[in-house]
Amino acid sequence: MRTLASTTLAAWVALASPSKAEAPIEQDAPSCVKVRGEPRYQGYGQTHVVVVKNGCDKTVRCEVFTDVDPTPRYTLLVAPGETEEVATRRGSPSSAFRPGYRCELR
């Protein structure tokens, strides 16, 4: 009986623990630029959207992608004070993703 309880406990601990550490993802932008990932349910699954908000005084060029879809990389030009977005995946069964990005002022 004790062996069964120990085995059951070990199995629950293994299932509750993350199977792997999150790999680092590139996230580089000026402090006046905010980038976020936003899942949106659209009837047949989740759409993964990367949103870029430019609070800078200059246009910003961002190359964006996600940990789910590292390629292709999408280029967004965002005017000062504006927000742009791009859908990187449609119909995903999961809402979990992290945006990756590299942004620079133009």
PDB file of N, CA and C in Angstrom:
ATOM      1  N   MET A   1       0.818  -1.191   0.000  1.00  0.00           N
ATOM      2  CA  MET A   1       0.000   0.000   0.000  1.00  0.00           C
ATOM      3  C   MET A   1       0.862   1.256   0.000  1.00  0.00           C
ATOM      4  N   ARG A   2       1.919   1.224   0.791  1.00  0.00           N
ATOM      5  CA  ARG A   2       2.793   2.384   0.864  1.00  0.00           C
ATOM      6  C   ARG A   2       3.452   2.653  -0.487  1.00  0.00           C
ATOM      7  N   THR A   3       3.845   1.610  -1.207  1.00  0.00           N
ATOM      8  CA  THR A   3       4.461   1.769  -2.517  1.00  0.00           C
ATOM      9  C   THR A   3       3.494   2.406  -3.498  1.00  0.00           C
ATOM     10  N   LEU A   4       2.243   1.996  -3.466  1.00  0.00           N
ATOM     11  CA  LEU A   4       1.234   2.573  -4.348  1.00  0.00           C
ATOM     12  C   LEU A   4       1.050   4.061  -4.061  1.00  0.00           C
ATOM     13  N   ALA A   5       0.998   4.433  -2.788  1.00  0.00           N
ATOM     14  CA  ALA A   5       0.838   5.843  -2.418  1.00  0.00           C
ATOM     15  C   ALA A   5       2.046   6.655  -2.865  1.00  0.00           C
ATOM     16  N   SER A   6       3.242   6.120  -2.680  1.00  0.00           N
ATOM     17  CA  SER A   6       4.459   6.819  -3.103  1.00  0.00           C
ATOM     18  C   SER A   6       4.496   6.992  -4.612  1.00  0.00           C
ATOM     19  N   THR A   7       4.128   5.951  -5.334  1.00  0.00           N
ATOM     20  CA  THR A   7       4.106   6.012  -6.793  1.00  0.00           C
ATOM     21  C   THR A   7       3.077   7.021  -7.282  1.00  0.00           C
ATOM     22  N   THR A   8       1.907   7.012  -6.668  1.00  0.00           N
ATOM     23  CA  THR A   8       0.855   7.954  -7.052  1.00  0.00           C
ATOM     24  C   THR A   8       1.300   9.386  -6.796  1.00  0.00           C
ATOM     25  N   LEU A   9       1.905   9.632  -5.632  1.00  0.00           N
ATOM     26  CA  LEU A   9       2.394  10.969  -5.305  1.00  0.00           C
ATOM     27  C   LEU A   9       3.461  11.411  -6.301  1.00  0.00           C
ATOM     28  N   ALA A  10       4.385  10.544  -6.629  1.00  0.00           N
ATOM     29  CA  ALA A  10       5.442  10.878  -7.587  1.00  0.00           C
ATOM     30  C   ALA A  10       4.859  11.204  -8.959  1.00  0.00           C
ATOM     31  N   ALA A  11       3.844  10.466  -9.355  1.00  0.00           N
ATOM     32  CA  ALA A  11       3.206  10.731 -10.652  1.00  0.00           C
ATOM     33  C   ALA A  11       2.535  12.096 -10.659  1.00  0.00           C
ATOM     34  N   TRP A  12       1.850  12.457  -9.581  1.00  0.00           N
ATOM     35  CA  TRP A  12       1.191  13.774  -9.506  1.00  0.00           C
ATOM     36  C   TRP A  12       2.217  14.902  -9.526  1.00  0.00           C
ATOM     37  N   VAL A  13       3.320  14.729  -8.827  1.00  0.00           N
ATOM     38  CA  VAL A  13       4.369  15.753  -8.820  1.00  0.00           C
ATOM     39  C   VAL A  13       4.946  15.914 -10.218  1.00  0.00           C
ATOM     40  N   ALA A  14       5.181  14.829 -10.903  1.00  0.00           N
ATOM     41  CA  ALA A  14       5.726  14.889 -12.260  1.00  0.00           C
ATOM     42  C   ALA A  14       4.765  15.584 -13.216  1.00  0.00           C
ATOM     43  N   LEU A  15       3.483  15.313 -13.079  1.00  0.00           N
ATOM     44  CA  LEU A  15       2.496  15.947 -13.954  1.00  0.00           C
ATOM     45  C   LEU A  15       2.325  17.426 -13.647  1.00  0.00           C
ATOM     46  N   ALA A  16       2.461  17.808 -12.402  1.00  0.00           N
ATOM     47  CA  ALA A  16       2.266  19.202 -12.012  1.00  0.00           C
ATOM     48  C   ALA A  16       3.479  20.065 -12.327  1.00  0.00           C
ATOM     49  N   SER A  17       4.646  19.456 -12.459  1.00  0.00           N
ATOM     50  CA  SER A  17       5.864  20.213 -12.739  1.00  0.00           C
ATOM     51  C   SER A  17       5.972  20.510 -14.223  1.00  0.00           C
ATOM     52  N   PRO A  18       6.513  21.681 -14.564  1.00  0.00           N
ATOM     53  CA  PRO A  18       6.717  21.972 -15.983  1.00  0.00           C
ATOM     54  C   PRO A  18       7.685  20.963 -16.580  1.00  0.00           C
ATOM     55  N   SER A  19       7.399  20.529 -17.790  1.00  0.00           N
ATOM     56  CA  SER A  19       8.243  19.514 -18.408  1.00  0.00           C
ATOM     57  C   SER A  19       9.551  20.094 -18.917  1.00  0.00           C
ATOM     58  N   LYS A  20       9.559  21.391 -19.222  1.00  0.00           N
ATOM     59  CA  LYS A  20      10.796  22.024 -19.663  1.00  0.00           C
ATOM     60  C   LYS A  20      10.720  23.505 -19.321  1.00  0.00           C
ATOM     61  N   ALA A  21      11.861  24.089 -19.131  1.00  0.00           N
ATOM     62  CA  ALA A  21      11.909  25.523 -18.855  1.00  0.00           C
ATOM     63  C   ALA A  21      11.584  26.285 -20.140  1.00  0.00           C
ATOM     64  N   GLU A  22      10.948  27.442 -19.980  1.00  0.00           N
ATOM     65  CA  GLU A  22      10.655  28.254 -21.159  1.00  0.00           C
ATOM     66  C   GLU A  22      11.964  28.724 -21.765  1.00  0.00           C
ATOM     67  N   ALA A  23      12.105  28.503 -23.051  1.00  0.00           N
ATOM     68  CA  ALA A  23      13.301  28.948 -23.750  1.00  0.00           C
ATOM     69  C   ALA A  23      13.267  30.466 -23.868  1.00  0.00           C
ATOM     70  N   PRO A  24      14.434  31.102 -23.813  1.00  0.00           N
ATOM     71  CA  PRO A  24      14.444  32.548 -23.987  1.00  0.00           C
ATOM     72  C   PRO A  24      13.956  32.914 -25.386  1.00  0.00           C
ATOM     73  N   ILE A  25      13.304  34.057 -25.492  1.00  0.00           N
ATOM     74  CA  ILE A  25      12.810  34.531 -26.777  1.00  0.00           C
ATOM     75  C   ILE A  25      13.241  35.989 -26.917  1.00  0.00           C
ATOM     76  N   GLU A  26      13.640  36.368 -28.116  1.00  0.00           N
ATOM     77  CA  GLU A  26      14.121  37.730 -28.347  1.00  0.00           C
ATOM     78  C   GLU A  26      13.005  38.740 -28.100  1.00  0.00           C
ATOM     79  N   GLN A  27      13.288  39.715 -27.240  1.00  0.00           N
ATOM     80  CA  GLN A  27      12.345  40.788 -26.939  1.00  0.00           C
ATOM     81  C   GLN A  27      13.156  42.057 -26.707  1.00  0.00           C
ATOM     82  N   ASP A  28      13.382  42.809 -27.796  1.00  0.00           N
ATOM     83  CA  ASP A  28      14.227  43.992 -27.739  1.00  0.00           C
ATOM     84  C   ASP A  28      13.492  45.163 -28.375  1.00  0.00           C
ATOM     85  N   ALA A  29      13.266  46.230 -27.595  1.00  0.00           N
ATOM     86  CA  ALA A  29      12.573  47.413 -28.105  1.00  0.00           C
ATOM     87  C   ALA A  29      12.910  48.609 -27.226  1.00  0.00           C
ATOM     88  N   PRO A  30      12.837  49.826 -27.799  1.00  0.00           N
ATOM     89  CA  PRO A  30      12.988  51.021 -26.963  1.00  0.00           C
ATOM     90  C   PRO A  30      11.904  51.037 -25.885  1.00  0.00           C
ATOM     91  N   SER A  31      12.175  51.714 -24.785  1.00  0.00           N
ATOM     92  CA  SER A  31      11.230  51.716 -23.660  1.00  0.00           C
ATOM     93  C   SER A  31       9.892  52.363 -24.003  1.00  0.00           C
ATOM     94  N   CYS A  32       9.839  53.184 -25.052  1.00  0.00           N
ATOM     95  CA  CYS A  32       8.585  53.842 -25.439  1.00  0.00           C
ATOM     96  C   CYS A  32       7.718  52.959 -26.341  1.00  0.00           C
ATOM     97  N   VAL A  33       8.183  51.759 -26.645  1.00  0.00           N
ATOM     98  CA  VAL A  33       7.429  50.813 -27.481  1.00  0.00           C
ATOM     99  C   VAL A  33       6.951  49.657 -26.598  1.00  0.00           C
ATOM    100  N   LYS A  34       5.678  49.325 -26.703  1.00  0.00           N
ATOM    101  CA  LYS A  34       5.110  48.206 -25.945  1.00  0.00           C
ATOM    102  C   LYS A  34       4.608  47.147 -26.926  1.00  0.00           C
ATOM    103  N   VAL A  35       5.001  45.911 -26.687  1.00  0.00           N
ATOM    104  CA  VAL A  35       4.592  44.793 -27.543  1.00  0.00           C
ATOM    105  C   VAL A  35       3.925  43.752 -26.654  1.00  0.00           C
ATOM    106  N   ARG A  36       2.802  43.220 -27.122  1.00  0.00           N
ATOM    107  CA  ARG A  36       2.114  42.186 -26.344  1.00  0.00           C
ATOM    108  C   ARG A  36       1.495  41.155 -27.287  1.00  0.00           C
ATOM    109  N   GLY A  37       1.283  39.972 -26.765  1.00  0.00           N
ATOM    110  CA  GLY A  37       0.556  38.937 -27.484  1.00  0.00           C
ATOM    111  C   GLY A  37      -0.877  38.909 -26.993  1.00  0.00           C
ATOM    112  N   GLU A  38      -1.800  38.706 -27.909  1.00  0.00           N
ATOM    113  CA  GLU A  38      -3.221  38.715 -27.554  1.00  0.00           C
ATOM    114  C   GLU A  38      -3.933  37.573 -28.278  1.00  0.00           C
ATOM    115  N   PRO A  39      -4.377  36.531 -27.545  1.00  0.00           N
ATOM    116  CA  PRO A  39      -5.159  35.480 -28.193  1.00  0.00           C
ATOM    117  C   PRO A  39      -6.602  35.947 -28.366  1.00  0.00           C
ATOM    118  N   ARG A  40      -7.174  35.643 -29.518  1.00  0.00           N
ATOM    119  CA  ARG A  40      -8.575  36.007 -29.778  1.00  0.00           C
ATOM    120  C   ARG A  40      -9.299  34.775 -30.301  1.00  0.00           C
ATOM    121  N   TYR A  41     -10.385  34.421 -29.645  1.00  0.00           N
ATOM    122  CA  TYR A  41     -11.164  33.273 -30.101  1.00  0.00           C
ATOM    123  C   TYR A  41     -11.989  33.681 -31.313  1.00  0.00           C
ATOM    124  N   GLN A  42     -11.900  32.892 -32.386  1.00  0.00           N
ATOM    125  CA  GLN A  42     -12.627  33.201 -33.615  1.00  0.00           C
ATOM    126  C   GLN A  42     -13.296  31.953 -34.178  1.00  0.00           C
ATOM    127  N   GLY A  43     -14.268  31.442 -33.478  1.00  0.00           N
ATOM    128  CA  GLY A  43     -15.123  30.379 -33.989  1.00  0.00           C
ATOM    129  C   GLY A  43     -14.484  29.020 -34.171  1.00  0.00           C
ATOM    130  N   TYR A  44     -13.362  28.959 -34.821  1.00  0.00           N
ATOM    131  CA  TYR A  44     -12.723  27.678 -35.126  1.00  0.00           C
ATOM    132  C   TYR A  44     -11.412  27.506 -34.367  1.00  0.00           C
ATOM    133  N   GLY A  45     -11.120  28.408 -33.451  1.00  0.00           N
ATOM    134  CA  GLY A  45      -9.890  28.310 -32.672  1.00  0.00           C
ATOM    135  C   GLY A  45      -9.364  29.683 -32.298  1.00  0.00           C
ATOM    136  N   GLN A  46      -8.194  29.674 -31.728  1.00  0.00           N
ATOM    137  CA  GLN A  46      -7.560  30.919 -31.286  1.00  0.00           C
ATOM    138  C   GLN A  46      -6.742  31.537 -32.413  1.00  0.00           C
ATOM    139  N   THR A  47      -6.831  32.838 -32.534  1.00  0.00           N
ATOM    140  CA  THR A  47      -5.953  33.591 -33.426  1.00  0.00           C
ATOM    141  C   THR A  47      -4.907  34.258 -32.549  1.00  0.00           C
ATOM    142  N   HIS A  48      -3.643  34.047 -32.878  1.00  0.00           N
ATOM    143  CA  HIS A  48      -2.549  34.663 -32.137  1.00  0.00           C
ATOM    144  C   HIS A  48      -2.232  36.002 -32.794  1.00  0.00           C
ATOM    145  N   VAL A  49      -2.367  37.081 -32.047  1.00  0.00           N
ATOM    146  CA  VAL A  49      -2.150  38.430 -32.563  1.00  0.00           C
ATOM    147  C   VAL A  49      -1.024  39.081 -31.771  1.00  0.00           C
ATOM    148  N   VAL A  50      -0.074  39.702 -32.490  1.00  0.00           N
ATOM    149  CA  VAL A  50       0.977  40.490 -31.852  1.00  0.00           C
ATOM    150  C   VAL A  50       0.618  41.957 -32.065  1.00  0.00           C
ATOM    151  N   VAL A  51       0.570  42.711 -30.961  1.00  0.00           N
ATOM    152  CA  VAL A  51       0.168  44.116 -30.978  1.00  0.00           C
ATOM    153  C   VAL A  51       1.373  44.975 -30.599  1.00  0.00           C
ATOM    154  N   VAL A  52       1.647  46.009 -31.418  1.00  0.00           N
ATOM    155  CA  VAL A  52       2.749  46.938 -31.158  1.00  0.00           C
ATOM    156  C   VAL A  52       2.172  48.334 -30.969  1.00  0.00           C
ATOM    157  N   LYS A  53       2.463  48.940 -29.812  1.00  0.00           N
ATOM    158  CA  LYS A  53       2.010  50.301 -29.515  1.00  0.00           C
ATOM    159  C   LYS A  53       3.236  51.207 -29.442  1.00  0.00           C
ATOM    160  N   ASN A  54       3.251  52.250 -30.277  1.00  0.00           N
ATOM    161  CA  ASN A  54       4.390  53.154 -30.351  1.00  0.00           C
ATOM    162  C   ASN A  54       4.108  54.430 -29.562  1.00  0.00           C
ATOM    163  N   GLY A  55       4.790  54.607 -28.447  1.00  0.00           N
ATOM    164  CA  GLY A  55       4.682  55.827 -27.658  1.00  0.00           C
ATOM    165  C   GLY A  55       5.856  56.760 -27.886  1.00  0.00           C
ATOM    166  N   CYS A  56       6.636  56.487 -28.924  1.00  0.00           N
ATOM    167  CA  CYS A  56       7.825  57.285 -29.230  1.00  0.00           C
ATOM    168  C   CYS A  56       7.470  58.493 -30.101  1.00  0.00           C
ATOM    169  N   ASP A  57       8.441  59.392 -30.264  1.00  0.00           N
ATOM    170  CA  ASP A  57       8.280  60.566 -31.126  1.00  0.00           C
ATOM    171  C   ASP A  57       8.642  60.270 -32.575  1.00  0.00           C
ATOM    172  N   LYS A  58       9.169  59.087 -32.840  1.00  0.00           N
ATOM    173  CA  LYS A  58       9.573  58.686 -34.191  1.00  0.00           C
ATOM    174  C   LYS A  58       8.860  57.396 -34.578  1.00  0.00           C
ATOM    175  N   THR A  59       8.829  57.129 -35.882  1.00  0.00           N
ATOM    176  CA  THR A  59       8.296  55.856 -36.377  1.00  0.00           C
ATOM    177  C   THR A  59       9.192  54.725 -35.878  1.00  0.00           C
ATOM    178  N   VAL A  60       8.589  53.601 -35.583  1.00  0.00           N
ATOM    179  CA  VAL A  60       9.343  52.434 -35.144  1.00  0.00           C
ATOM    180  C   VAL A  60       9.100  51.298 -36.132  1.00  0.00           C
ATOM    181  N   ARG A  61      10.158  50.539 -36.392  1.00  0.00           N
ATOM    182  CA  ARG A  61      10.078  49.347 -37.251  1.00  0.00           C
ATOM    183  C   ARG A  61      10.283  48.146 -36.346  1.00  0.00           C
ATOM    184  N   CYS A  62       9.303  47.239 -36.343  1.00  0.00           N
ATOM    185  CA  CYS A  62       9.387  46.041 -35.503  1.00  0.00           C
ATOM    186  C   CYS A  62       9.291  44.787 -36.359  1.00  0.00           C
ATOM    187  N   GLU A  63      10.158  43.856 -36.062  1.00  0.00           N
ATOM    188  CA  GLU A  63      10.084  42.513 -36.638  1.00  0.00           C
ATOM    189  C   GLU A  63       9.499  41.640 -35.533  1.00  0.00           C
ATOM    190  N   VAL A  64       8.334  41.021 -35.790  1.00  0.00           N
ATOM    191  CA  VAL A  64       7.644  40.257 -34.748  1.00  0.00           C
ATOM    192  C   VAL A  64       7.415  38.814 -35.183  1.00  0.00           C
ATOM    193  N   PHE A  65       7.294  37.939 -34.185  1.00  0.00           N
ATOM    194  CA  PHE A  65       7.045  36.514 -34.389  1.00  0.00           C
ATOM    195  C   PHE A  65       6.547  35.974 -33.064  1.00  0.00           C
ATOM    196  N   THR A  66       6.321  34.680 -32.955  1.00  0.00           N
ATOM    197  CA  THR A  66       5.936  34.082 -31.670  1.00  0.00           C
ATOM    198  C   THR A  66       6.760  32.832 -31.406  1.00  0.00           C
ATOM    199  N   ASP A  67       6.710  32.373 -30.168  1.00  0.00           N
ATOM    200  CA  ASP A  67       7.400  31.125 -29.839  1.00  0.00           C
ATOM    201  C   ASP A  67       6.728  29.933 -30.509  1.00  0.00           C
ATOM    202  N   VAL A  68       5.456  30.058 -30.851  1.00  0.00           N
ATOM    203  CA  VAL A  68       4.732  28.995 -31.551  1.00  0.00           C
ATOM    204  C   VAL A  68       5.114  28.982 -33.029  1.00  0.00           C
ATOM    205  N   ASP A  69       5.246  30.167 -33.615  1.00  0.00           N
ATOM    206  CA  ASP A  69       5.606  30.321 -35.033  1.00  0.00           C
ATOM    207  C   ASP A  69       6.792  31.271 -35.159  1.00  0.00           C
ATOM    208  N   PRO A  70       8.025  30.763 -34.978  1.00  0.00           N
ATOM    209  CA  PRO A  70       9.189  31.645 -35.071  1.00  0.00           C
ATOM    210  C   PRO A  70       9.457  32.148 -36.490  1.00  0.00           C
ATOM    211  N   THR A  71       8.911  31.457 -37.477  1.00  0.00           N
ATOM    212  CA  THR A  71       8.985  31.934 -38.862  1.00  0.00           C
ATOM    213  C   THR A  71       7.609  31.767 -39.477  1.00  0.00           C
ATOM    214  N   PRO A  72       7.202  32.643 -40.340  1.00  0.00           N
ATOM    215  CA  PRO A  72       7.937  33.817 -40.806  1.00  0.00           C
ATOM    216  C   PRO A  72       7.924  34.912 -39.748  1.00  0.00           C
ATOM    217  N   ARG A  73       8.805  35.888 -39.952  1.00  0.00           N
ATOM    218  CA  ARG A  73       8.818  37.091 -39.116  1.00  0.00           C
ATOM    219  C   ARG A  73       8.097  38.185 -39.884  1.00  0.00           C
ATOM    220  N   TYR A  74       7.257  38.907 -39.180  1.00  0.00           N
ATOM    221  CA  TYR A  74       6.443  39.958 -39.797  1.00  0.00           C
ATOM    222  C   TYR A  74       7.029  41.321 -39.455  1.00  0.00           C
ATOM    223  N   THR A  75       7.035  42.227 -40.421  1.00  0.00           N
ATOM    224  CA  THR A  75       7.551  43.575 -40.210  1.00  0.00           C
ATOM    225  C   THR A  75       6.396  44.557 -40.111  1.00  0.00           C
ATOM    226  N   LEU A  76       6.406  45.337 -39.035  1.00  0.00           N
ATOM    227  CA  LEU A  76       5.399  46.374 -38.831  1.00  0.00           C
ATOM    228  C   LEU A  76       6.096  47.724 -38.732  1.00  0.00           C
ATOM    229  N   LEU A  77       5.591  48.716 -39.468  1.00  0.00           N
ATOM    230  CA  LEU A  77       6.021  50.103 -39.315  1.00  0.00           C
ATOM    231  C   LEU A  77       4.909  50.813 -38.564  1.00  0.00           C
ATOM    232  N   VAL A  78       5.250  51.370 -37.406  1.00  0.00           N
ATOM    233  CA  VAL A  78       4.235  51.973 -36.549  1.00  0.00           C
ATOM    234  C   VAL A  78       4.581  53.450 -36.347  1.00  0.00           C
ATOM    235  N   ALA A  79       3.669  54.320 -36.777  1.00  0.00           N
ATOM    236  CA  ALA A  79       3.861  55.768 -36.651  1.00  0.00           C
ATOM    237  C   ALA A  79       3.791  56.182 -35.180  1.00  0.00           C
ATOM    238  N   PRO A  80       4.361  57.339 -34.844  1.00  0.00           N
ATOM    239  CA  PRO A  80       4.294  57.825 -33.463  1.00  0.00           C
ATOM    240  C   PRO A  80       2.850  57.912 -32.960  1.00  0.00           C
ATOM    241  N   GLY A  81       2.614  57.388 -31.757  1.00  0.00           N
ATOM    242  CA  GLY A  81       1.291  57.444 -31.152  1.00  0.00           C
ATOM    243  C   GLY A  81       0.287  56.444 -31.696  1.00  0.00           C
ATOM    244  N   GLU A  82       0.701  55.586 -32.608  1.00  0.00           N
ATOM    245  CA  GLU A  82      -0.205  54.619 -33.239  1.00  0.00           C
ATOM    246  C   GLU A  82       0.015  53.210 -32.691  1.00  0.00           C
ATOM    247  N   THR A  83      -0.933  52.334 -33.005  1.00  0.00           N
ATOM    248  CA  THR A  83      -0.863  50.916 -32.650  1.00  0.00           C
ATOM    249  C   THR A  83      -1.137  50.097 -33.902  1.00  0.00           C
ATOM    250  N   GLU A  84      -0.326  49.084 -34.139  1.00  0.00           N
ATOM    251  CA  GLU A  84      -0.514  48.164 -35.268  1.00  0.00           C
ATOM    252  C   GLU A  84      -0.509  46.745 -34.726  1.00  0.00           C
ATOM    253  N   GLU A  85      -1.119  45.837 -35.479  1.00  0.00           N
ATOM    254  CA  GLU A  85      -1.152  44.437 -35.060  1.00  0.00           C
ATOM    255  C   GLU A  85      -1.104  43.527 -36.272  1.00  0.00           C
ATOM    256  N   VAL A  86      -0.686  42.282 -36.017  1.00  0.00           N
ATOM    257  CA  VAL A  86      -0.640  41.275 -37.071  1.00  0.00           C
ATOM    258  C   VAL A  86      -1.028  39.925 -36.469  1.00  0.00           C
ATOM    259  N   ALA A  87      -1.823  39.167 -37.219  1.00  0.00           N
ATOM    260  CA  ALA A  87      -2.178  37.804 -36.814  1.00  0.00           C
ATOM    261  C   ALA A  87      -1.083  36.869 -37.307  1.00  0.00           C
ATOM    262  N   THR A  88      -0.487  36.119 -36.396  1.00  0.00           N
ATOM    263  CA  THR A  88       0.594  35.208 -36.762  1.00  0.00           C
ATOM    264  C   THR A  88       0.125  33.768 -36.911  1.00  0.00           C
ATOM    265  N   ARG A  89      -1.037  33.452 -36.340  1.00  0.00           N
ATOM    266  CA  ARG A  89      -1.595  32.098 -36.471  1.00  0.00           C
ATOM    267  C   ARG A  89      -3.101  32.162 -36.291  1.00  0.00           C
ATOM    268  N   ARG A  90      -3.802  31.393 -37.099  1.00  0.00           N
ATOM    269  CA  ARG A  90      -5.265  31.309 -36.996  1.00  0.00           C
ATOM    270  C   ARG A  90      -5.656  29.851 -36.765  1.00  0.00           C
ATOM    271  N   GLY A  91      -6.709  29.642 -35.979  1.00  0.00           N
ATOM    272  CA  GLY A  91      -7.212  28.294 -35.755  1.00  0.00           C
ATOM    273  C   GLY A  91      -6.400  27.457 -34.797  1.00  0.00           C
ATOM    274  N   SER A  92      -5.643  28.085 -33.920  1.00  0.00           N
ATOM    275  CA  SER A  92      -4.841  27.334 -32.958  1.00  0.00           C
ATOM    276  C   SER A  92      -5.737  26.735 -31.873  1.00  0.00           C
ATOM    277  N   PRO A  93      -5.456  25.516 -31.430  1.00  0.00           N
ATOM    278  CA  PRO A  93      -6.224  24.947 -30.330  1.00  0.00           C
ATOM    279  C   PRO A  93      -5.829  25.566 -28.981  1.00  0.00           C
ATOM    280  N   SER A  94      -4.712  26.284 -28.950  1.00  0.00           N
ATOM    281  CA  SER A  94      -4.209  26.849 -27.697  1.00  0.00           C
ATOM    282  C   SER A  94      -4.179  28.373 -27.736  1.00  0.00           C
ATOM    283  N   SER A  95      -4.441  28.981 -26.599  1.00  0.00           N
ATOM    284  CA  SER A  95      -4.340  30.438 -26.504  1.00  0.00           C
ATOM    285  C   SER A  95      -2.973  30.866 -25.976  1.00  0.00           C
ATOM    286  N   ALA A  96      -2.150  29.914 -25.586  1.00  0.00           N
ATOM    287  CA  ALA A  96      -0.853  30.229 -24.989  1.00  0.00           C
ATOM    288  C   ALA A  96       0.210  30.451 -26.057  1.00  0.00           C
ATOM    289  N   PHE A  97       0.825  31.630 -26.026  1.00  0.00           N
ATOM    290  CA  PHE A  97       1.974  31.929 -26.872  1.00  0.00           C
ATOM    291  C   PHE A  97       2.686  33.149 -26.306  1.00  0.00           C
ATOM    292  N   ARG A  98       3.944  33.311 -26.698  1.00  0.00           N
ATOM    293  CA  ARG A  98       4.718  34.486 -26.294  1.00  0.00           C
ATOM    294  C   ARG A  98       5.204  35.205 -27.542  1.00  0.00           C
ATOM    295  N   PRO A  99       5.068  36.532 -27.583  1.00  0.00           N
ATOM    296  CA  PRO A  99       5.576  37.261 -28.737  1.00  0.00           C
ATOM    297  C   PRO A  99       7.084  37.473 -28.628  1.00  0.00           C
ATOM    298  N   GLY A 100       7.734  37.400 -29.771  1.00  0.00           N
ATOM    299  CA  GLY A 100       9.136  37.774 -29.871  1.00  0.00           C
ATOM    300  C   GLY A 100       9.204  38.997 -30.764  1.00  0.00           C
ATOM    301  N   TYR A 101      10.194  39.854 -30.547  1.00  0.00           N
ATOM    302  CA  TYR A 101      10.263  41.076 -31.346  1.00  0.00           C
ATOM    303  C   TYR A 101      11.634  41.731 -31.257  1.00  0.00           C
ATOM    304  N   ARG A 102      11.920  42.503 -32.293  1.00  0.00           N
ATOM    305  CA  ARG A 102      13.063  43.403 -32.308  1.00  0.00           C
ATOM    306  C   ARG A 102      12.573  44.686 -32.949  1.00  0.00           C
ATOM    307  N   CYS A 103      12.600  45.778 -32.211  1.00  0.00           N
ATOM    308  CA  CYS A 103      12.099  47.061 -32.700  1.00  0.00           C
ATOM    309  C   CYS A 103      13.210  48.100 -32.648  1.00  0.00           C
ATOM    310  N   GLU A 104      13.204  48.989 -33.642  1.00  0.00           N
ATOM    311  CA  GLU A 104      14.172  50.087 -33.648  1.00  0.00           C
ATOM    312  C   GLU A 104      13.515  51.337 -34.211  1.00  0.00           C
ATOM    313  N   LEU A 105      13.971  52.475 -33.715  1.00  0.00           N
ATOM    314  CA  LEU A 105      13.454  53.749 -34.205  1.00  0.00           C
ATOM    315  C   LEU A 105      13.992  54.014 -35.597  1.00  0.00           C
ATOM    316  N   ARG A 106      13.182  54.696 -36.414  1.00  0.00           N
ATOM    317  CA  ARG A 106      13.593  54.998 -37.796  1.00  0.00           C
ATOM    318  C   ARG A 106      13.890  56.458 -37.935  1.00  0.00           C
TER     319      ARG A 106
END
